[in-house]
Amino acid sequence: MKHRHHNGLKTTLLFSVLWVVLLAIWALFFRGSAGMLWIFVGLGLVGTFVGYWNSDKLAIRSMHAYPVTEQEQPGMYRIVRELSQKANQPMPKLFVSPTQAPNAFATGRNPSNAAVCCTEGILGLLDERELRGVLGHELMHVYNRDILTSSVAAAIAGVITSLSQFLLFFGGGGDRRDNGGGNVFAALALMILAPLAASVIQLAISRTREYDADEDGASLTGDPLALASALRKLESGTQARPLPQDQKLVDVSHLMIANPFKAGAGMAKLFSTHPPMADRIQRLEAMAGTQGGITYY
């Protein structure tokens, strides 16, 4: 599918910048002894695999969600079954989280091992048309393999952060004989700024994936205004009933359709896992104004 806002290209470019930062650290500090670099990369890969393989269990457990039957949640089942069939994908497992904070998320390493979760708050807040828009968004996270994308981004950012911390505390490794005195400050700046840059880029990747899920979810449902209406309600609903800043919830907050915490201002927006609601709504309304440009599955 062609994305009108080129979100896939933006994600690729952001990943490229992450790799540039990692390679800059290698070139400055590990060029002569790459063994330490590969140790950190190996640890990052192991952590990524474990987190990716168990992503559904970790997120469901963090939200204290419970599985629901079709008798308990006929609306959810009806919508998800219809959209899954439309996309020619398997039916995911459905869960409900016992919190009045309105939100939803999807997780799982692939469509065959996916889980979709709604909070009790969002089920009470949205009408069925709006819920359909939200569930279409969540399913597209699974179909677009966004769990893998976010896991890889987190792994690269984690390796950069770990390497920088190691260098700050224990000094640089490798061959730095040709680094003149003028380069010492540049190297120190890299060690300090690299983790910050990696975090900002990782979060920017998360935001591009949200835009993608909005657009693809609207294409799947054929109703971008339904998702726009849902996002308006969620913007006020999440602020009225934010989740506590528990670390387990922070770790899975990027999966949710709306930022579950109190919105920040100024620089805090730079470190947000979600794009501004106003921008998302505006894009969806633009899609609704050009229905001929939407690709239906």
Protein backbone atom coordinates (compact mmCIF):
# COMPACT_ATOMS: atom_id res chain seq x y z
CA MET A 1 0.00 0.00 0.00
CA LYS A 2 1.22 3.50 -0.81
CA HIS A 3 1.34 5.69 2.30
CA ARG A 4 0.46 9.28 1.51
CA HIS A 5 2.77 10.62 4.20
CA HIS A 6 5.73 8.31 3.35
CA ASN A 7 5.84 6.83 6.85
CA GLY A 8 7.73 3.74 5.70
CA LEU A 9 10.47 5.90 4.17
CA LYS A 10 10.69 7.96 7.36
CA THR A 11 11.07 4.77 9.42
CA THR A 12 13.88 3.56 7.13
CA LEU A 13 15.69 6.90 7.36
CA LEU A 14 15.40 6.93 11.16
CA PHE A 15 16.82 3.41 11.36
CA SER A 16 19.68 4.57 9.14
CA VAL A 17 20.48 7.38 11.56
CA LEU A 18 20.51 4.91 14.46
CA TRP A 19 23.04 2.76 12.59
CA VAL A 20 25.15 5.84 11.79
CA VAL A 21 25.34 6.68 15.51
CA LEU A 22 26.31 3.09 16.35
CA LEU A 23 28.94 2.98 13.61
CA ALA A 24 30.35 6.33 14.77
CA ILE A 25 30.92 4.85 18.23
CA TRP A 26 32.59 1.82 16.62
CA ALA A 27 34.83 3.98 14.44
CA LEU A 28 35.96 6.18 17.33
CA PHE A 29 36.37 3.64 20.11
CA PHE A 30 36.31 0.03 18.88
CA ARG A 31 37.99 0.12 15.49
CA GLY A 32 41.00 -1.80 16.78
CA SER A 33 39.15 -4.17 19.11
CA ALA A 34 35.65 -4.85 17.91
CA GLY A 35 35.17 -7.70 20.37
CA MET A 36 33.59 -5.50 23.04
CA LEU A 37 31.23 -4.00 20.47
CA TRP A 38 30.04 -7.43 19.41
CA ILE A 39 29.51 -8.47 23.02
CA PHE A 40 27.08 -5.58 23.48
CA VAL A 41 25.43 -6.29 20.13
CA GLY A 42 25.03 -9.95 21.07
CA LEU A 43 23.45 -9.06 24.40
CA GLY A 44 21.13 -6.65 22.62
CA LEU A 45 20.07 -9.34 20.15
CA VAL A 46 19.32 -11.80 22.95
CA GLY A 47 17.26 -9.22 24.81
CA THR A 48 15.41 -8.31 21.63
CA PHE A 49 14.57 -11.93 20.85
CA VAL A 50 13.27 -12.62 24.36
CA GLY A 51 11.19 -9.43 24.43
CA TYR A 52 9.86 -9.97 20.89
CA TRP A 53 8.98 -13.62 21.46
CA ASN A 54 7.14 -12.84 24.69
CA SER A 55 5.74 -9.45 23.73
CA ASP A 56 2.11 -10.54 23.99
CA LYS A 57 2.53 -12.09 27.45
CA LEU A 58 4.47 -9.12 28.83
CA ALA A 59 1.97 -6.51 27.66
CA ILE A 60 -1.09 -8.49 28.74
CA ARG A 61 0.43 -9.14 32.17
CA SER A 62 1.39 -5.48 32.63
CA MET A 63 -2.22 -4.40 32.06
CA HIS A 64 -3.66 -7.25 34.21
CA ALA A 65 -5.80 -8.16 31.22
CA TYR A 66 -8.01 -11.23 31.10
CA PRO A 67 -9.21 -13.23 28.06
CA VAL A 68 -12.81 -12.76 27.02
CA THR A 69 -15.22 -15.04 25.19
CA GLU A 70 -17.57 -14.10 22.37
CA GLN A 71 -20.47 -14.31 24.80
CA GLU A 72 -18.78 -11.76 27.08
CA GLN A 73 -17.71 -9.33 24.34
CA PRO A 74 -19.81 -9.99 21.22
CA GLY A 75 -19.09 -6.54 19.77
CA MET A 76 -15.32 -6.92 19.94
CA TYR A 77 -15.49 -10.37 18.42
CA ARG A 78 -17.80 -9.28 15.62
CA ILE A 79 -15.58 -6.35 14.64
CA VAL A 80 -12.25 -8.15 14.90
CA ARG A 81 -13.54 -11.23 13.03
CA GLU A 82 -14.88 -9.06 10.21
CA LEU A 83 -11.67 -7.03 9.86
CA SER A 84 -9.43 -10.10 10.15
CA GLN A 85 -11.35 -11.84 7.39
CA LYS A 86 -11.25 -8.68 5.26
CA ALA A 87 -7.47 -8.58 5.63
CA ASN A 88 -7.23 -12.36 5.09
CA GLN A 89 -5.52 -12.81 8.44
CA PRO A 90 -6.13 -15.19 11.37
CA MET A 91 -8.35 -14.21 14.28
CA PRO A 92 -6.25 -12.90 17.22
CA LYS A 93 -6.92 -13.60 20.89
CA LEU A 94 -9.03 -10.95 22.60
CA PHE A 95 -8.46 -9.52 26.08
CA VAL A 96 -9.94 -6.84 28.30
CA SER A 97 -7.98 -4.86 30.89
CA PRO A 98 -9.85 -3.98 34.10
CA THR A 99 -9.06 -0.27 34.12
CA GLN A 100 -11.25 2.73 33.42
CA ALA A 101 -8.37 4.46 31.62
CA PRO A 102 -9.56 4.35 27.99
CA ASN A 103 -7.04 2.68 25.70
CA ALA A 104 -6.34 -0.29 23.47
CA PHE A 105 -3.31 -2.12 22.12
CA ALA A 106 -2.30 -5.07 19.99
CA THR A 107 0.79 -7.18 20.42
CA GLY A 108 2.32 -10.48 19.38
CA ARG A 109 5.21 -11.52 17.20
CA ASN A 110 3.05 -12.26 14.12
CA PRO A 111 -0.63 -12.44 13.08
CA SER A 112 -0.86 -16.09 14.17
CA ASN A 113 0.29 -15.21 17.70
CA ALA A 114 -1.42 -11.86 18.13
CA ALA A 115 -3.49 -10.47 20.97
CA VAL A 116 -5.77 -7.44 20.94
CA CYS A 117 -6.68 -5.80 24.22
CA CYS A 118 -9.23 -3.10 25.08
CA THR A 119 -9.60 -1.53 28.47
CA GLU A 120 -12.97 -1.46 30.17
CA GLY A 121 -12.73 2.32 29.92
CA ILE A 122 -12.52 2.41 26.12
CA LEU A 123 -15.36 -0.08 25.77
CA GLY A 124 -17.57 2.23 27.79
CA LEU A 125 -16.39 5.41 26.06
CA LEU A 126 -16.67 4.61 22.34
CA ASP A 127 -19.62 3.62 20.22
CA GLU A 128 -19.32 0.58 17.95
CA ARG A 129 -18.29 2.55 14.87
CA GLU A 130 -15.49 4.30 16.77
CA LEU A 131 -14.40 1.03 18.36
CA ARG A 132 -14.19 -0.49 14.89
CA GLY A 133 -11.84 2.32 13.86
CA VAL A 134 -9.64 1.70 16.90
CA LEU A 135 -9.53 -2.06 16.37
CA GLY A 136 -8.65 -1.57 12.71
CA HIS A 137 -5.71 0.57 13.84
CA GLU A 138 -4.56 -2.06 16.31
CA LEU A 139 -4.79 -4.92 13.84
CA MET A 140 -2.62 -3.00 11.38
CA HIS A 141 0.13 -2.78 14.00
CA VAL A 142 0.19 -6.58 13.90
CA TYR A 143 -0.06 -6.88 10.12
CA ASN A 144 2.68 -4.28 9.62
CA ARG A 145 4.99 -6.19 12.01
CA ASP A 146 5.36 -3.10 14.18
CA ILE A 147 6.24 -5.19 17.23
CA LEU A 148 9.35 -6.39 15.39
CA THR A 149 10.14 -2.85 14.22
CA SER A 150 9.90 -1.40 17.72
CA SER A 151 11.89 -4.31 19.19
CA VAL A 152 14.76 -3.80 16.74
CA ALA A 153 14.74 -0.03 17.30
CA ALA A 154 14.83 -0.57 21.06
CA ALA A 155 17.69 -3.05 20.68
CA ILE A 156 19.88 -0.69 18.63
CA ALA A 157 19.12 2.21 20.98
CA GLY A 158 19.90 -0.04 23.94
CA VAL A 159 23.26 -1.07 22.48
CA ILE A 160 24.17 2.58 21.86
CA THR A 161 23.20 3.52 25.42
CA SER A 162 25.09 0.57 26.95
CA LEU A 163 28.22 1.27 24.93
CA SER A 164 28.14 4.96 25.85
CA GLN A 165 27.74 4.18 29.54
CA PHE A 166 30.59 1.68 29.37
CA LEU A 167 32.86 4.21 27.70
CA LEU A 168 31.98 6.95 30.19
CA PHE A 169 32.71 4.77 33.20
CA PHE A 170 35.64 2.69 31.94
CA GLY A 171 37.10 4.71 29.11
CA GLY A 172 37.13 3.98 25.41
CA GLY A 173 38.45 0.76 24.02
CA GLY A 174 40.10 0.08 20.74
CA ASP A 175 42.55 2.15 18.77
CA ARG A 176 42.35 5.83 19.61
CA ARG A 177 46.01 6.70 19.05
CA ASP A 178 45.22 8.94 16.10
CA ASN A 179 42.54 10.85 17.96
CA GLY A 180 44.21 14.18 18.58
CA GLY A 181 43.54 16.33 21.58
CA GLY A 182 40.98 18.24 19.55
CA ASN A 183 38.96 15.07 19.17
CA VAL A 184 38.73 14.35 22.90
CA PHE A 185 35.87 16.77 23.38
CA ALA A 186 34.09 15.44 20.31
CA ALA A 187 34.44 11.89 21.64
CA LEU A 188 33.15 12.92 25.06
CA ALA A 189 30.21 14.72 23.45
CA LEU A 190 29.41 11.59 21.43
CA MET A 191 29.40 9.42 24.55
CA ILE A 192 26.99 11.80 26.28
CA LEU A 193 24.77 12.75 23.37
CA ALA A 194 24.57 9.38 21.59
CA PRO A 195 22.13 7.80 24.11
CA LEU A 196 19.95 10.91 23.97
CA ALA A 197 19.93 10.86 20.18
CA ALA A 198 19.18 7.12 20.14
CA SER A 199 16.21 7.58 22.46
CA VAL A 200 14.80 10.46 20.41
CA ILE A 201 15.17 8.45 17.18
CA GLN A 202 13.60 5.36 18.76
CA LEU A 203 10.59 7.42 19.84
CA ALA A 204 10.37 9.04 16.41
CA ILE A 205 10.16 5.56 14.87
CA SER A 206 7.31 4.76 17.25
CA ARG A 207 5.48 7.91 16.13
CA THR A 208 5.84 7.06 12.44
CA ARG A 209 4.41 3.60 13.11
CA GLU A 210 1.37 5.24 14.76
CA TYR A 211 0.76 7.36 11.68
CA ASP A 212 1.07 4.23 9.54
CA ALA A 213 -1.41 2.29 11.67
CA ASP A 214 -3.85 5.20 11.50
CA GLU A 215 -3.71 5.31 7.71
CA ASP A 216 -3.73 1.56 7.16
CA GLY A 217 -6.41 1.01 9.79
CA ALA A 218 -8.59 3.64 8.13
CA SER A 219 -8.06 1.87 4.81
CA LEU A 220 -8.99 -1.46 6.35
CA THR A 221 -12.23 -0.15 7.87
CA GLY A 222 -12.96 2.26 5.03
CA ASP A 223 -13.98 4.81 7.66
CA PRO A 224 -11.21 7.27 8.63
CA LEU A 225 -13.68 9.60 10.36
CA ALA A 226 -14.60 6.86 12.83
CA LEU A 227 -11.00 6.64 14.01
CA ALA A 228 -10.73 10.43 14.07
CA SER A 229 -13.81 10.61 16.30
CA ALA A 230 -12.38 7.92 18.57
CA LEU A 231 -9.07 9.77 18.89
CA ARG A 232 -10.89 12.95 19.94
CA LYS A 233 -12.61 11.07 22.74
CA LEU A 234 -9.41 9.32 23.74
CA GLU A 235 -7.48 12.58 23.92
CA SER A 236 -9.75 13.88 26.67
CA GLY A 237 -10.43 10.47 28.18
CA THR A 238 -6.79 9.57 28.78
CA GLN A 239 -6.16 12.95 30.39
CA ALA A 240 -9.16 12.53 32.68
CA ARG A 241 -8.11 8.99 33.65
CA PRO A 242 -4.34 8.61 33.11
CA LEU A 243 -2.50 5.45 34.05
CA PRO A 244 0.04 5.64 36.90
CA GLN A 245 3.70 6.05 35.90
CA ASP A 246 4.53 2.48 36.83
CA GLN A 247 7.63 1.20 35.01
CA LYS A 248 5.84 -1.88 33.68
CA LEU A 249 3.18 0.37 32.16
CA VAL A 250 5.79 2.78 30.81
CA ASP A 251 7.49 -0.13 29.05
CA VAL A 252 4.31 -1.06 27.14
CA SER A 253 2.85 2.43 26.69
CA HIS A 254 4.19 2.68 23.12
CA LEU A 255 1.84 -0.16 22.16
CA MET A 256 -1.28 1.78 23.11
CA ILE A 257 -3.33 3.80 20.66
CA ALA A 258 -3.16 6.90 22.88
CA ASN A 259 -0.54 8.10 25.33
CA PRO A 260 -1.88 6.68 28.62
CA PHE A 261 -0.11 9.23 30.84
CA LYS A 262 -0.59 12.91 31.55
CA ALA A 263 0.45 14.84 28.48
CA GLY A 264 3.65 16.85 28.74
CA ALA A 265 4.46 20.17 27.14
CA GLY A 266 7.48 21.68 25.42
CA MET A 267 10.45 19.30 25.28
CA ALA A 268 8.33 16.48 26.71
CA LYS A 269 6.66 16.13 23.30
CA LEU A 270 10.04 15.25 21.80
CA PHE A 271 10.17 12.21 24.08
CA SER A 272 6.59 11.11 23.45
CA THR A 273 5.88 7.68 21.95
CA HIS A 274 2.79 9.08 20.20
CA PRO A 275 2.36 11.86 17.65
CA PRO A 276 0.08 14.79 18.54
CA MET A 277 -3.58 13.82 18.39
CA ALA A 278 -4.40 16.96 16.39
CA ASP A 279 -2.01 15.87 13.62
CA ARG A 280 -3.40 12.35 13.55
CA ILE A 281 -6.98 13.60 13.38
CA GLN A 282 -6.12 16.09 10.65
CA ARG A 283 -4.55 13.35 8.51
CA LEU A 284 -7.56 11.10 8.94
CA GLU A 285 -9.94 13.89 8.01
CA ALA A 286 -7.82 14.55 4.91
CA MET A 287 -8.16 10.87 3.99
CA ALA A 288 -11.93 11.13 4.37
CA GLY A 289 -11.90 14.07 1.98
CA THR A 290 -10.13 12.02 -0.70
CA GLN A 291 -11.82 8.63 -0.43
CA GLY A 292 -10.71 7.74 -3.93
CA GLY A 293 -7.11 7.60 -2.68
CA ILE A 294 -7.81 4.92 -0.06
CA THR A 295 -6.84 1.36 -0.85
CA TYR A 296 -9.29 -1.20 0.54
CA TYR A 297 -8.16 -4.68 1.51
